[in-house]
């Protein structure tokens, strides 16, 4: 088990009580495993993060080491390293 810091932005910070959460992840965990773990440990994240199929909403952005997960070769099946940085962003609006 390794501890990873997951950084959240904008409205997601209110749901987790701050800018980041430290979570223990098992060796060999994927990005999807991390999302599932976050929701299991923080049930308030379920609706804001997951669609009906249990996948990250398409309008949310998840980055691993500065690269959006959907552009990684294995996407949400990408295996995490404890040294990875993970950021999750809600949609941003403005005018």
C-alpha atoms as a PDB file:
ATOM      1  CA  UNK A   1       0.000   0.000   0.000  1.00  0.00           C
ATOM      2  CA  UNK A   2       1.158   3.486  -0.822  1.00  0.00           C
ATOM      3  CA  UNK A   3      -0.282   6.882  -0.012  1.00  0.00           C
ATOM      4  CA  UNK A   4      -1.211   9.123  -2.941  1.00  0.00           C
ATOM      5  CA  UNK A   5      -2.391  12.698  -2.784  1.00  0.00           C
ATOM      6  CA  UNK A   6      -5.338  13.433  -5.061  1.00  0.00           C
ATOM      7  CA  UNK A   7      -5.916  17.128  -5.792  1.00  0.00           C
ATOM      8  CA  UNK A   8      -9.406  18.477  -6.389  1.00  0.00           C
ATOM      9  CA  UNK A   9     -10.485  21.800  -7.839  1.00  0.00           C
ATOM     10  CA  UNK A  10     -13.398  24.234  -7.705  1.00  0.00           C
ATOM     11  CA  UNK A  11     -16.684  22.771  -6.413  1.00  0.00           C
ATOM     12  CA  UNK A  12     -15.137  19.334  -5.780  1.00  0.00           C
ATOM     13  CA  UNK A  13     -13.023  20.840  -2.985  1.00  0.00           C
ATOM     14  CA  UNK A  14     -16.163  21.531  -0.969  1.00  0.00           C
ATOM     15  CA  UNK A  15     -17.155  17.865  -1.209  1.00  0.00           C
ATOM     16  CA  UNK A  16     -13.820  16.558   0.084  1.00  0.00           C
ATOM     17  CA  UNK A  17     -13.272  19.305   2.660  1.00  0.00           C
ATOM     18  CA  UNK A  18     -10.197  20.865   1.092  1.00  0.00           C
ATOM     19  CA  UNK A  19      -7.891  20.947  -1.908  1.00  0.00           C
ATOM     20  CA  UNK A  20      -6.693  17.358  -1.627  1.00  0.00           C
ATOM     21  CA  UNK A  21      -7.177  13.924  -0.141  1.00  0.00           C
ATOM     22  CA  UNK A  22      -4.531  11.403   0.808  1.00  0.00           C
ATOM     23  CA  UNK A  23      -5.585   7.843   0.021  1.00  0.00           C
ATOM     24  CA  UNK A  24      -3.878   4.494   0.401  1.00  0.00           C
ATOM     25  CA  UNK A  25      -3.759   2.629  -2.886  1.00  0.00           C
ATOM     26  CA  UNK A  26      -2.640  -0.918  -3.507  1.00  0.00           C
ATOM     27  CA  UNK A  27       0.261  -1.608  -5.830  1.00  0.00           C
ATOM     28  CA  UNK A  28      -0.989  -2.170  -9.364  1.00  0.00           C
ATOM     29  CA  UNK A  29      -4.109  -0.023  -8.952  1.00  0.00           C
ATOM     30  CA  UNK A  30      -5.526   1.589 -12.072  1.00  0.00           C
ATOM     31  CA  UNK A  31      -7.019   5.042 -12.514  1.00  0.00           C
ATOM     32  CA  UNK A  32     -10.492   3.421 -12.395  1.00  0.00           C
ATOM     33  CA  UNK A  33      -9.556   1.605  -9.175  1.00  0.00           C
ATOM     34  CA  UNK A  34      -8.610   4.976  -7.697  1.00  0.00           C
ATOM     35  CA  UNK A  35     -11.947   6.512  -8.680  1.00  0.00           C
ATOM     36  CA  UNK A  36     -13.791   3.550  -7.150  1.00  0.00           C
ATOM     37  CA  UNK A  37     -11.725   3.903  -3.957  1.00  0.00           C
ATOM     38  CA  UNK A  38     -12.398   7.640  -3.715  1.00  0.00           C
ATOM     39  CA  UNK A  39     -16.145   7.060  -4.008  1.00  0.00           C
ATOM     40  CA  UNK A  40     -16.158   4.176  -1.512  1.00  0.00           C
ATOM     41  CA  UNK A  41     -14.282   6.268   1.059  1.00  0.00           C
ATOM     42  CA  UNK A  42     -16.248   9.458   0.296  1.00  0.00           C
ATOM     43  CA  UNK A  43     -19.833   8.580  -0.678  1.00  0.00           C
ATOM     44  CA  UNK A  44     -20.654  12.265  -1.270  1.00  0.00           C
ATOM     45  CA  UNK A  45     -18.471  12.024  -4.397  1.00  0.00           C
ATOM     46  CA  UNK A  46     -20.563   9.313  -6.080  1.00  0.00           C
ATOM     47  CA  UNK A  47     -23.097  11.484  -7.889  1.00  0.00           C
ATOM     48  CA  UNK A  48     -20.701  14.330  -8.755  1.00  0.00           C
ATOM     49  CA  UNK A  49     -18.035  11.941 -10.111  1.00  0.00           C
ATOM     50  CA  UNK A  50     -19.805   8.895 -11.571  1.00  0.00           C
ATOM     51  CA  UNK A  51     -22.301   8.329 -14.338  1.00  0.00           C
ATOM     52  CA  UNK A  52     -24.879   5.508 -14.359  1.00  0.00           C
ATOM     53  CA  UNK A  53     -22.229   2.989 -15.490  1.00  0.00           C
ATOM     54  CA  UNK A  54     -19.873   3.869 -12.627  1.00  0.00           C
ATOM     55  CA  UNK A  55     -17.474   5.733 -14.921  1.00  0.00           C
ATOM     56  CA  UNK A  56     -16.131   9.240 -14.425  1.00  0.00           C
ATOM     57  CA  UNK A  57     -18.569  11.736 -15.961  1.00  0.00           C
ATOM     58  CA  UNK A  58     -17.356  12.708 -19.441  1.00  0.00           C
ATOM     59  CA  UNK A  59     -17.414  16.401 -18.508  1.00  0.00           C
ATOM     60  CA  UNK A  60     -14.941  15.886 -15.637  1.00  0.00           C
ATOM     61  CA  UNK A  61     -11.218  15.953 -16.288  1.00  0.00           C
ATOM     62  CA  UNK A  62      -8.772  13.607 -14.582  1.00  0.00           C
ATOM     63  CA  UNK A  63      -5.065  14.137 -15.105  1.00  0.00           C
ATOM     64  CA  UNK A  64      -2.173  11.843 -14.209  1.00  0.00           C
ATOM     65  CA  UNK A  65       1.170  13.620 -14.231  1.00  0.00           C
ATOM     66  CA  UNK A  66      -0.347  16.482 -16.215  1.00  0.00           C
ATOM     67  CA  UNK A  67      -1.832  14.281 -18.943  1.00  0.00           C
ATOM     68  CA  UNK A  68      -5.560  13.811 -19.301  1.00  0.00           C
ATOM     69  CA  UNK A  69      -6.457  10.166 -18.690  1.00  0.00           C
ATOM     70  CA  UNK A  70      -8.566   9.848 -21.824  1.00  0.00           C
ATOM     71  CA  UNK A  71      -5.418  10.504 -23.903  1.00  0.00           C
ATOM     72  CA  UNK A  72      -3.260   7.902 -22.151  1.00  0.00           C
ATOM     73  CA  UNK A  73      -2.746   4.625 -24.002  1.00  0.00           C
ATOM     74  CA  UNK A  74      -4.639   2.571 -21.402  1.00  0.00           C
ATOM     75  CA  UNK A  75      -6.956   5.406 -20.364  1.00  0.00           C
ATOM     76  CA  UNK A  76      -8.708   4.493 -17.086  1.00  0.00           C
ATOM     77  CA  UNK A  77      -6.930   1.146 -16.963  1.00  0.00           C
ATOM     78  CA  UNK A  78      -3.579   2.968 -16.694  1.00  0.00           C
ATOM     79  CA  UNK A  79      -1.627   1.656 -13.713  1.00  0.00           C
ATOM     80  CA  UNK A  80      -0.740   4.251 -11.108  1.00  0.00           C
ATOM     81  CA  UNK A  81       2.649   4.741  -9.542  1.00  0.00           C
ATOM     82  CA  UNK A  82       2.740   6.089  -5.954  1.00  0.00           C
ATOM     83  CA  UNK A  83       4.801   9.047  -7.200  1.00  0.00           C
ATOM     84  CA  UNK A  84       2.151  10.056  -9.765  1.00  0.00           C
ATOM     85  CA  UNK A  85       0.270  13.313  -9.360  1.00  0.00           C
ATOM     86  CA  UNK A  86      -3.481  13.045  -9.850  1.00  0.00           C
ATOM     87  CA  UNK A  87      -5.794  16.024 -10.388  1.00  0.00           C
ATOM     88  CA  UNK A  88      -9.578  15.992 -10.862  1.00  0.00           C
ATOM     89  CA  UNK A  89     -11.364  19.040 -12.296  1.00  0.00           C
ATOM     90  CA  UNK A  90     -15.082  19.782 -12.630  1.00  0.00           C
ATOM     91  CA  UNK A  91     -16.299  21.705 -15.670  1.00  0.00           C
ATOM     92  CA  UNK A  92     -15.309  25.346 -15.592  1.00  0.00           C
ATOM     93  CA  UNK A  93     -17.613  28.081 -16.761  1.00  0.00           C
ATOM     94  CA  UNK A  94     -17.262  31.767 -16.962  1.00  0.00           C
ATOM     95  CA  UNK A  95     -17.987  34.790 -18.949  1.00  0.00           C
END
